[in-house]
C-alpha atoms as a PDB file:
ATOM      1  CA  UNK A   1      86.851 119.626  66.803  1.00  0.00           C
ATOM      2  CA  UNK A   2      88.811 122.252  68.738  1.00  0.00           C
ATOM      3  CA  UNK A   3      91.890 124.004  67.442  1.00  0.00           C
ATOM      4  CA  UNK A   4      94.144 121.919  69.727  1.00  0.00           C
ATOM      5  CA  UNK A   5      92.554 118.684  68.515  1.00  0.00           C
ATOM      6  CA  UNK A   6      93.027 119.733  64.909  1.00  0.00           C
ATOM      7  CA  UNK A   7      96.655 120.621  65.616  1.00  0.00           C
ATOM      8  CA  UNK A   8      97.307 117.255  67.277  1.00  0.00           C
ATOM      9  CA  UNK A   9      95.656 115.408  64.396  1.00  0.00           C
ATOM     10  CA  UNK A  10      97.881 117.309  61.967  1.00  0.00           C
ATOM     11  CA  UNK A  11     100.988 116.625  64.065  1.00  0.00           C
ATOM     12  CA  UNK A  12     100.152 112.933  64.253  1.00  0.00           C
ATOM     13  CA  UNK A  13      99.507 112.683  60.530  1.00  0.00           C
ATOM     14  CA  UNK A  14     102.597 114.630  59.526  1.00  0.00           C
ATOM     15  CA  UNK A  15     105.175 113.483  62.078  1.00  0.00           C
ATOM     16  CA  UNK A  16     104.205 109.996  63.278  1.00  0.00           C
ATOM     17  CA  UNK A  17     106.292 108.186  60.663  1.00  0.00           C
ATOM     18  CA  UNK A  18     109.381 110.284  61.315  1.00  0.00           C
ATOM     19  CA  UNK A  19     109.022 109.853  65.072  1.00  0.00           C
ATOM     20  CA  UNK A  20     108.575 106.103  64.704  1.00  0.00           C
ATOM     21  CA  UNK A  21     111.689 105.872  62.513  1.00  0.00           C
ATOM     22  CA  UNK A  22     113.656 107.927  65.051  1.00  0.00           C
ATOM     23  CA  UNK A  23     112.515 105.884  68.044  1.00  0.00           C
ATOM     24  CA  UNK A  24     113.005 102.593  66.174  1.00  0.00           C
ATOM     25  CA  UNK A  25     116.724 103.337  65.911  1.00  0.00           C
ATOM     26  CA  UNK A  26     116.902 102.938  69.697  1.00  0.00           C
ATOM     27  CA  UNK A  27     114.050 100.521  70.406  1.00  0.00           C
ATOM     28  CA  UNK A  28     114.024  97.371  68.278  1.00  0.00           C
ATOM     29  CA  UNK A  29     110.640  96.087  69.463  1.00  0.00           C
ATOM     30  CA  UNK A  30     108.086  97.602  67.080  1.00  0.00           C
ATOM     31  CA  UNK A  31     105.237  97.613  69.607  1.00  0.00           C
ATOM     32  CA  UNK A  32     107.378  99.215  72.286  1.00  0.00           C
ATOM     33  CA  UNK A  33     108.600 101.831  69.765  1.00  0.00           C
ATOM     34  CA  UNK A  34     104.989 102.649  68.889  1.00  0.00           C
ATOM     35  CA  UNK A  35     104.215 103.043  72.592  1.00  0.00           C
ATOM     36  CA  UNK A  36     107.129 105.450  72.960  1.00  0.00           C
ATOM     37  CA  UNK A  37     105.892 107.505  70.001  1.00  0.00           C
ATOM     38  CA  UNK A  38     102.436 107.605  71.579  1.00  0.00           C
ATOM     39  CA  UNK A  39     104.023 108.786  74.812  1.00  0.00           C
ATOM     40  CA  UNK A  40     105.893 111.463  72.846  1.00  0.00           C
ATOM     41  CA  UNK A  41     102.698 112.721  71.260  1.00  0.00           C
ATOM     42  CA  UNK A  42     100.898 112.630  74.600  1.00  0.00           C
ATOM     43  CA  UNK A  43     103.597 114.830  76.122  1.00  0.00           C
ATOM     44  CA  UNK A  44     103.298 117.192  73.163  1.00  0.00           C
ATOM     45  CA  UNK A  45      99.536 117.297  73.720  1.00  0.00           C
ATOM     46  CA  UNK A  46     100.040 118.224  77.383  1.00  0.00           C
ATOM     47  CA  UNK A  47     102.201 121.168  76.328  1.00  0.00           C
ATOM     48  CA  UNK A  48     100.441 122.052  73.098  1.00  0.00           C
ATOM     49  CA  UNK A  49     100.750 125.754  73.866  1.00  0.00           C
ATOM     50  CA  UNK A  50     104.517 125.491  73.238  1.00  0.00           C
ATOM     51  CA  UNK A  51     104.028 124.384  69.642  1.00  0.00           C
ATOM     52  CA  UNK A  52     104.238 127.248  67.185  1.00  0.00           C
ATOM     53  CA  UNK A  53     103.302 125.990  63.721  1.00  0.00           C
ATOM     54  CA  UNK A  54     104.219 129.332  62.167  1.00  0.00           C
ATOM     55  CA  UNK A  55     107.876 128.552  62.878  1.00  0.00           C
ATOM     56  CA  UNK A  56     109.539 125.540  61.336  1.00  0.00           C
ATOM     57  CA  UNK A  57     110.618 124.017  64.674  1.00  0.00           C
ATOM     58  CA  UNK A  58     107.758 121.617  65.317  1.00  0.00           C
ATOM     59  CA  UNK A  59     109.573 118.499  64.142  1.00  0.00           C
ATOM     60  CA  UNK A  60     112.683 119.387  66.137  1.00  0.00           C
ATOM     61  CA  UNK A  61     110.517 119.942  69.212  1.00  0.00           C
ATOM     62  CA  UNK A  62     108.856 116.547  68.761  1.00  0.00           C
ATOM     63  CA  UNK A  63     112.208 114.829  68.187  1.00  0.00           C
ATOM     64  CA  UNK A  64     113.513 116.410  71.391  1.00  0.00           C
ATOM     65  CA  UNK A  65     110.515 115.063  73.287  1.00  0.00           C
ATOM     66  CA  UNK A  66     111.023 111.637  71.679  1.00  0.00           C
ATOM     67  CA  UNK A  67     114.703 111.639  72.651  1.00  0.00           C
ATOM     68  CA  UNK A  68     113.755 112.389  76.262  1.00  0.00           C
ATOM     69  CA  UNK A  69     111.113 109.660  76.234  1.00  0.00           C
ATOM     70  CA  UNK A  70     113.610 107.133  74.854  1.00  0.00           C
ATOM     71  CA  UNK A  71     116.227 108.182  77.438  1.00  0.00           C
ATOM     72  CA  UNK A  72     113.738 107.907  80.284  1.00  0.00           C
ATOM     73  CA  UNK A  73     112.668 104.486  79.015  1.00  0.00           C
ATOM     74  CA  UNK A  74     116.283 103.323  78.824  1.00  0.00           C
ATOM     75  CA  UNK A  75     116.991 104.525  82.379  1.00  0.00           C
ATOM     76  CA  UNK A  76     113.871 102.788  83.658  1.00  0.00           C
ATOM     77  CA  UNK A  77     114.918  99.558  81.938  1.00  0.00           C
ATOM     78  CA  UNK A  78     118.343  99.737  83.572  1.00  0.00           C
ATOM     79  CA  UNK A  79     116.734  99.928  87.010  1.00  0.00           C
ATOM     80  CA  UNK A  80     114.497  96.914  86.453  1.00  0.00           C
ATOM     81  CA  UNK A  81     115.891  93.525  87.389  1.00  0.00           C
ATOM     82  CA  UNK A  82     116.583  91.215  84.470  1.00  0.00           C
ATOM     83  CA  UNK A  83     114.838  87.864  84.308  1.00  0.00           C
ATOM     84  CA  UNK A  84     117.159  84.882  84.187  1.00  0.00           C
ATOM     85  CA  UNK A  85     115.969  81.904  82.184  1.00  0.00           C
ATOM     86  CA  UNK A  86     119.110  79.767  82.477  1.00  0.00           C
ATOM     87  CA  UNK A  87     118.289  76.907  84.916  1.00  0.00           C
ATOM     88  CA  UNK A  88     121.970  76.409  85.824  1.00  0.00           C
ATOM     89  CA  UNK A  89     122.320  80.065  86.783  1.00  0.00           C
ATOM     90  CA  UNK A  90     119.148  79.894  88.868  1.00  0.00           C
ATOM     91  CA  UNK A  91     120.430  76.778  90.662  1.00  0.00           C
ATOM     92  CA  UNK A  92     123.752  78.483  91.404  1.00  0.00           C
ATOM     93  CA  UNK A  93     122.053  81.272  93.365  1.00  0.00           C
ATOM     94  CA  UNK A  94     122.371  80.763  97.096  1.00  0.00           C
ATOM     95  CA  UNK A  95     119.248  80.059  99.099  1.00  0.00           C
ATOM     96  CA  UNK A  96     117.758  82.896 101.119  1.00  0.00           C
ATOM     97  CA  UNK A  97     119.273  83.207 104.555  1.00  0.00           C
ATOM     98  CA  UNK A  98     117.794  85.042 107.472  1.00  0.00           C
ATOM     99  CA  UNK A  99     120.993  86.420 109.005  1.00  0.00           C
ATOM    100  CA  UNK A 100     119.821  90.025 108.539  1.00  0.00           C
ATOM    101  CA  UNK A 101     116.504  89.241 110.206  1.00  0.00           C
ATOM    102  CA  UNK A 102     118.270  87.533 113.111  1.00  0.00           C
ATOM    103  CA  UNK A 103     120.626  90.475 113.643  1.00  0.00           C
ATOM    104  CA  UNK A 104     117.748  92.935 113.429  1.00  0.00           C
ATOM    105  CA  UNK A 105     115.766  90.893 115.967  1.00  0.00           C
ATOM    106  CA  UNK A 106     118.750  90.803 118.299  1.00  0.00           C
ATOM    107  CA  UNK A 107     119.215  94.584 118.029  1.00  0.00           C
ATOM    108  CA  UNK A 108     115.537  95.251 118.706  1.00  0.00           C
ATOM    109  CA  UNK A 109     115.537  92.910 121.725  1.00  0.00           C
ATOM    110  CA  UNK A 110     118.664  94.571 123.095  1.00  0.00           C
ATOM    111  CA  UNK A 111     117.107  98.007 122.596  1.00  0.00           C
ATOM    112  CA  UNK A 112     113.831  96.988 124.228  1.00  0.00           C
ATOM    113  CA  UNK A 113     115.732  95.627 127.233  1.00  0.00           C
ATOM    114  CA  UNK A 114     117.133  99.129 127.834  1.00  0.00           C
ATOM    115  CA  UNK A 115     113.614 100.621 128.168  1.00  0.00           C
ATOM    116  CA  UNK A 116     111.649 100.847 131.380  1.00  0.00           C
ATOM    117  CA  UNK A 117     109.196  98.019 132.044  1.00  0.00           C
ATOM    118  CA  UNK A 118     106.196 100.313 131.425  1.00  0.00           C
ATOM    119  CA  UNK A 119     107.511 101.479 128.066  1.00  0.00           C
ATOM    120  CA  UNK A 120     108.467  97.948 127.043  1.00  0.00           C
ATOM    121  CA  UNK A 121     104.950  96.634 127.882  1.00  0.00           C
ATOM    122  CA  UNK A 122     103.283  99.350 125.802  1.00  0.00           C
ATOM    123  CA  UNK A 123     105.619  98.870 122.827  1.00  0.00           C
ATOM    124  CA  UNK A 124     105.082  95.098 122.808  1.00  0.00           C
ATOM    125  CA  UNK A 125     101.326  95.401 123.198  1.00  0.00           C
ATOM    126  CA  UNK A 126     100.700  98.143 120.638  1.00  0.00           C
ATOM    127  CA  UNK A 127     103.402  97.533 118.031  1.00  0.00           C
ATOM    128  CA  UNK A 128     104.149  93.822 118.245  1.00  0.00           C
ATOM    129  CA  UNK A 129     100.864  92.301 119.414  1.00  0.00           C
ATOM    130  CA  UNK A 130      98.847  94.774 117.337  1.00  0.00           C
ATOM    131  CA  UNK A 131      96.483  95.727 120.119  1.00  0.00           C
ATOM    132  CA  UNK A 132      94.619  99.005 120.046  1.00  0.00           C
ATOM    133  CA  UNK A 133      95.243 101.722 122.606  1.00  0.00           C
ATOM    134  CA  UNK A 134      91.942 100.846 124.304  1.00  0.00           C
ATOM    135  CA  UNK A 135      92.811  97.119 124.495  1.00  0.00           C
ATOM    136  CA  UNK A 136      96.268  97.909 125.834  1.00  0.00           C
ATOM    137  CA  UNK A 137      94.799 100.272 128.444  1.00  0.00           C
ATOM    138  CA  UNK A 138      92.363  97.571 129.654  1.00  0.00           C
ATOM    139  CA  UNK A 139      95.104  94.937 129.688  1.00  0.00           C
ATOM    140  CA  UNK A 140      97.508  97.131 131.682  1.00  0.00           C
ATOM    141  CA  UNK A 141      94.767  98.703 133.850  1.00  0.00           C
ATOM    142  CA  UNK A 142      95.787 102.262 132.979  1.00  0.00           C
ATOM    143  CA  UNK A 143      93.936 105.103 131.225  1.00  0.00           C
ATOM    144  CA  UNK A 144      94.138 105.328 127.412  1.00  0.00           C
ATOM    145  CA  UNK A 145      95.942 108.664 127.640  1.00  0.00           C
ATOM    146  CA  UNK A 146      98.658 107.006 129.681  1.00  0.00           C
ATOM    147  CA  UNK A 147      99.092 104.353 126.994  1.00  0.00           C
ATOM    148  CA  UNK A 148      99.361 107.048 124.320  1.00  0.00           C
ATOM    149  CA  UNK A 149     101.944 109.062 126.228  1.00  0.00           C
ATOM    150  CA  UNK A 150     103.949 105.955 127.149  1.00  0.00           C
ATOM    151  CA  UNK A 151     103.956 104.874 123.515  1.00  0.00           C
ATOM    152  CA  UNK A 152     105.109 108.328 122.426  1.00  0.00           C
ATOM    153  CA  UNK A 153     107.927 108.501 124.962  1.00  0.00           C
ATOM    154  CA  UNK A 154     108.865 104.852 124.434  1.00  0.00           C
ATOM    155  CA  UNK A 155     109.376 105.428 120.717  1.00  0.00           C
ATOM    156  CA  UNK A 156     111.512 108.479 121.482  1.00  0.00           C
ATOM    157  CA  UNK A 157     113.529 106.445 123.972  1.00  0.00           C
ATOM    158  CA  UNK A 158     113.948 103.650 121.429  1.00  0.00           C
ATOM    159  CA  UNK A 159     115.305 106.124 118.887  1.00  0.00           C
ATOM    160  CA  UNK A 160     117.823 107.352 121.438  1.00  0.00           C
ATOM    161  CA  UNK A 161     118.838 103.779 122.307  1.00  0.00           C
ATOM    162  CA  UNK A 162     119.260 102.895 118.632  1.00  0.00           C
ATOM    163  CA  UNK A 163     121.448 105.966 118.143  1.00  0.00           C
ATOM    164  CA  UNK A 164     123.572 104.940 121.140  1.00  0.00           C
ATOM    165  CA  UNK A 165     123.889 101.461 119.628  1.00  0.00           C
ATOM    166  CA  UNK A 166     124.964 102.960 116.311  1.00  0.00           C
ATOM    167  CA  UNK A 167     121.876 101.729 114.460  1.00  0.00           C
ATOM    168  CA  UNK A 168     120.671 104.326 111.994  1.00  0.00           C
ATOM    169  CA  UNK A 169     117.617 104.061 109.743  1.00  0.00           C
END
């Protein structure tokens, strides 16, 4: 066993109970609290060179790590959507509408109408129909390089049209 492994074993043996008690004050689920303590010790292991056992600051260092782990866990939980199990609440939620999709489709159509016919053909073929450059070149009877340059300039023109329309992404 290496020195670092021995140190981690000693830290686990000596401080696990204190860390679990500390984390359990903030996390009521015992299994989740144990996971947070494991995460704390894993972070300590990754930065084992910072632990100086000759000084009496090891426990404070581990508690600081645990506090950060608990805070990060709390923030992550706040970002996750909450599951609703109340059937009445679920029924009260409005059905999905496609107004945003319709508006987006209208904007894209309006923007495409402002492009030249050559650019519009390439955009539709490559981006909407999913054809390769080679397939598009055969279909339009132009060289592949022409398709590539038209696609490049068409996308630039589309960006300019969207900016003129006030559509920003």
